[in-house]
Protein backbone atom coordinates (compact mmCIF):
# COMPACT_ATOMS: atom_id res chain seq x y z
CA MET A 1 -0.66 0.17 -0.20
CA ARG A 2 2.66 1.96 -0.73
CA LEU A 3 0.26 4.45 -3.03
CA ARG A 4 -2.45 4.98 0.02
CA ASP A 5 -4.76 7.89 -0.60
CA GLN A 6 -2.69 9.03 -3.61
CA VAL A 7 -4.84 10.01 -6.76
CA ALA A 8 -3.10 9.30 -10.14
CA LEU A 9 -3.90 10.64 -13.86
CA ILE A 10 -2.77 7.97 -16.19
CA THR A 11 -3.17 9.00 -20.19
CA GLY A 12 -3.01 5.62 -22.80
CA ALA A 13 -4.01 3.60 -19.62
CA ALA A 14 -6.67 1.22 -22.48
CA SER A 15 -4.28 -0.41 -22.75
CA GLY A 16 0.05 -1.49 -22.48
CA MET A 17 2.76 -0.68 -20.09
CA ALA A 18 -0.34 1.97 -19.10
CA ALA A 19 -3.23 0.02 -17.91
CA ALA A 20 -0.34 -2.21 -16.40
CA GLN A 21 0.74 0.82 -14.15
CA ALA A 22 -3.20 1.65 -13.73
CA ARG A 23 -3.36 -1.78 -12.58
CA LEU A 24 -0.44 -1.53 -10.10
CA PHE A 25 -0.71 1.75 -8.91
CA ALA A 26 -4.32 0.89 -8.00
CA SER A 27 -3.25 -2.19 -6.27
CA GLU A 28 -0.89 -0.20 -4.22
CA GLY A 29 -3.83 1.92 -2.64
CA ALA A 30 -3.88 4.35 -5.24
CA ALA A 31 -6.84 6.12 -6.70
CA VAL A 32 -6.34 6.38 -10.07
CA CYS A 33 -8.52 8.17 -13.25
CA VAL A 34 -7.61 6.08 -16.50
CA ALA A 35 -7.95 8.13 -19.21
CA ASP A 36 -7.23 7.19 -23.22
CA ILE A 37 -9.33 8.22 -25.81
CA ASN A 38 -9.78 4.67 -26.96
CA GLU A 39 -13.47 4.75 -24.01
CA VAL A 40 -13.33 0.55 -24.46
CA GLY A 41 -10.79 -0.59 -23.15
CA GLY A 42 -10.41 2.69 -20.64
CA ARG A 43 -13.92 2.02 -19.33
CA GLN A 44 -12.41 -1.29 -18.95
CA VAL A 45 -9.05 -1.26 -16.89
CA ALA A 46 -11.72 1.28 -14.91
CA SER A 47 -14.00 -2.05 -14.08
CA GLU A 48 -11.13 -4.65 -13.28
CA ILE A 49 -9.76 -2.29 -10.78
CA ILE A 50 -12.59 -1.74 -8.99
CA GLU A 51 -13.87 -5.19 -9.66
CA GLY A 52 -10.15 -6.23 -7.66
CA GLY A 53 -11.47 -3.70 -4.67
CA GLY A 54 -9.15 -0.51 -6.03
CA LYS A 55 -11.14 2.55 -6.35
CA ALA A 56 -11.16 3.75 -10.26
CA ILE A 57 -13.11 6.35 -12.78
CA PHE A 58 -12.73 5.99 -16.58
CA ALA A 59 -12.32 9.89 -18.39
CA SER A 60 -12.30 10.03 -21.68
CA LEU A 61 -8.74 12.07 -23.12
CA ASP A 62 -7.03 13.51 -26.19
CA VAL A 63 -4.93 14.92 -25.10
CA THR A 64 -3.30 17.05 -27.54
CA ASP A 65 -6.63 18.82 -26.05
CA ALA A 66 -5.80 21.62 -23.29
CA SER A 67 -10.05 21.86 -23.28
CA GLN A 68 -10.00 18.54 -22.50
CA TRP A 69 -7.26 17.96 -19.78
CA ALA A 70 -8.72 20.44 -17.69
CA GLU A 71 -12.17 18.88 -17.26
CA VAL A 72 -10.54 15.15 -16.72
CA VAL A 73 -8.32 17.25 -13.93
CA SER A 74 -12.01 17.93 -12.81
CA ALA A 75 -13.72 15.17 -12.89
CA THR A 76 -10.38 13.23 -10.74
CA GLU A 77 -10.83 16.16 -8.42
CA ARG A 78 -14.65 15.55 -7.69
CA GLU A 79 -13.95 12.25 -7.10
CA PHE A 80 -11.36 11.80 -5.42
CA GLY A 81 -10.53 14.91 -3.58
CA SER A 82 -6.97 15.49 -5.15
CA LEU A 83 -4.58 14.41 -7.70
CA THR A 84 -1.54 13.81 -6.70
CA ALA A 85 0.57 12.71 -9.49
CA LEU A 86 0.59 12.17 -13.32
CA CYS A 87 1.16 9.73 -15.65
CA ASN A 88 1.56 10.18 -19.87
CA ASN A 89 2.40 6.62 -21.58
CA ALA A 90 0.17 7.86 -24.08
CA GLY A 91 2.14 8.35 -27.13
CA ALA A 92 2.28 7.06 -30.81
CA ASN A 93 4.60 5.37 -33.49
CA PHE A 94 5.11 4.56 -36.87
CA ARG A 95 8.15 1.92 -37.12
CA VAL A 96 8.63 3.42 -40.88
CA SER A 97 11.71 4.63 -42.12
CA PHE A 98 13.41 8.20 -42.68
CA ASP A 99 12.31 8.40 -45.83
CA ASP A 100 9.00 6.76 -45.23
CA GLN A 101 7.97 9.48 -42.27
CA THR A 102 5.78 11.36 -43.34
CA GLU A 103 4.84 14.85 -41.91
CA GLU A 104 1.38 13.98 -41.43
CA MET A 105 2.77 11.11 -39.27
CA TRP A 106 5.02 13.29 -37.58
CA HIS A 107 2.66 15.72 -36.76
CA THR A 108 0.08 13.34 -34.87
CA VAL A 109 3.82 11.02 -33.06
CA MET A 110 5.02 14.91 -31.60
CA ASN A 111 1.50 16.12 -30.75
CA ILE A 112 0.20 13.26 -29.01
CA GLY A 113 3.72 12.04 -27.35
CA LEU A 114 5.41 15.57 -26.66
CA THR A 115 2.14 18.58 -26.99
CA GLY A 116 -0.15 16.05 -24.65
CA ALA A 117 3.18 15.31 -22.09
CA PHE A 118 3.15 19.23 -22.06
CA LEU A 119 -0.67 20.17 -21.78
CA GLY A 120 -0.81 17.76 -19.21
CA ILE A 121 2.19 19.06 -16.84
CA LYS A 122 0.00 22.56 -17.72
CA ALA A 123 -3.17 20.60 -16.51
CA ALA A 124 -2.71 19.23 -13.53
CA VAL A 125 0.03 20.93 -12.01
CA PRO A 126 -2.30 23.79 -10.10
CA ALA A 127 -4.44 20.32 -8.80
CA MET A 128 -0.91 19.12 -7.37
CA ARG A 129 -0.26 22.94 -5.06
CA ARG A 130 -4.28 22.35 -4.82
CA ALA A 131 -3.25 18.83 -3.00
CA GLY A 132 0.23 20.46 -1.32
CA GLY A 133 2.57 17.75 -3.21
CA GLY A 134 3.03 16.02 -6.10
CA ALA A 135 4.78 13.43 -9.17
CA ILE A 136 4.99 13.10 -12.75
CA VAL A 137 5.62 10.20 -14.62
CA ASN A 138 6.19 10.73 -17.89
CA MET A 139 7.77 8.11 -19.37
CA GLY A 140 10.79 7.93 -21.62
CA SER A 141 11.79 4.33 -24.06
CA LEU A 142 14.98 3.38 -24.51
CA ALA A 143 14.46 6.06 -27.70
CA SER A 144 14.91 8.76 -24.82
CA THR A 145 19.11 8.56 -24.90
CA ARG A 146 19.76 6.24 -28.49
CA SER A 147 17.80 6.78 -30.95
CA GLY A 148 17.59 4.35 -33.87
CA GLY A 149 17.43 4.45 -37.98
CA GLY A 150 14.13 3.89 -38.35
CA SER A 151 10.88 5.79 -36.54
CA PRO A 152 12.27 9.59 -36.70
CA ALA A 153 9.46 10.75 -34.98
CA TYR A 154 9.37 8.73 -32.36
CA GLY A 155 12.81 8.55 -31.20
CA ALA A 156 13.20 12.76 -31.71
CA SER A 157 9.89 12.93 -29.09
CA LYS A 158 11.14 10.81 -27.18
CA MET A 159 14.72 12.99 -26.77
CA GLY A 160 12.25 15.59 -26.64
CA MET A 161 10.16 13.99 -23.58
CA VAL A 162 13.49 14.70 -21.45
CA GLY A 163 13.97 18.00 -22.04
CA LEU A 164 10.78 18.15 -21.31
CA THR A 165 10.27 16.70 -17.70
CA GLN A 166 13.42 18.01 -16.64
CA SER A 167 12.15 21.68 -17.71
CA ALA A 168 9.35 20.54 -15.61
CA ALA A 169 11.41 19.98 -13.02
CA LYS A 170 13.36 22.80 -12.76
CA SER A 171 10.09 24.66 -12.35
CA TYR A 172 8.48 23.21 -10.12
CA ALA A 173 10.15 21.94 -7.48
């Protein structure tokens, strides 16, 4: 119960690592907002947490929309009383060569992975201040430190996440 009395908003939590993170946080005592654009998967993860005795809600969230961020943060605070953790996991990738990566693919990866995290931090910090503090986890990958030859937008996004994380840490520490 290391996360007892904590409230986490986890993006991309309808599947994959973020869904596992939501289940783990709940098993450690956190109340969890399962946030994702995938409503079916997100509701399923939230239901599994509740059925397992945890506290969870689902919130539909397009991480590229600042107004939706504001709504989801407010909904989380209304339901659980505060917000003390933000986990930016939402992301996109197109596993293609540099030559085959289109400008549209580039913008999709950057907007979801990097701009989405930026908007999430901006939306969550005021709530964390109201709660008396909090923690932000921005999901990286091996591409955060050593990008490969394929999927240039993904590598740039993950390296950018390191810079965004450092900037946020220095701004809000």
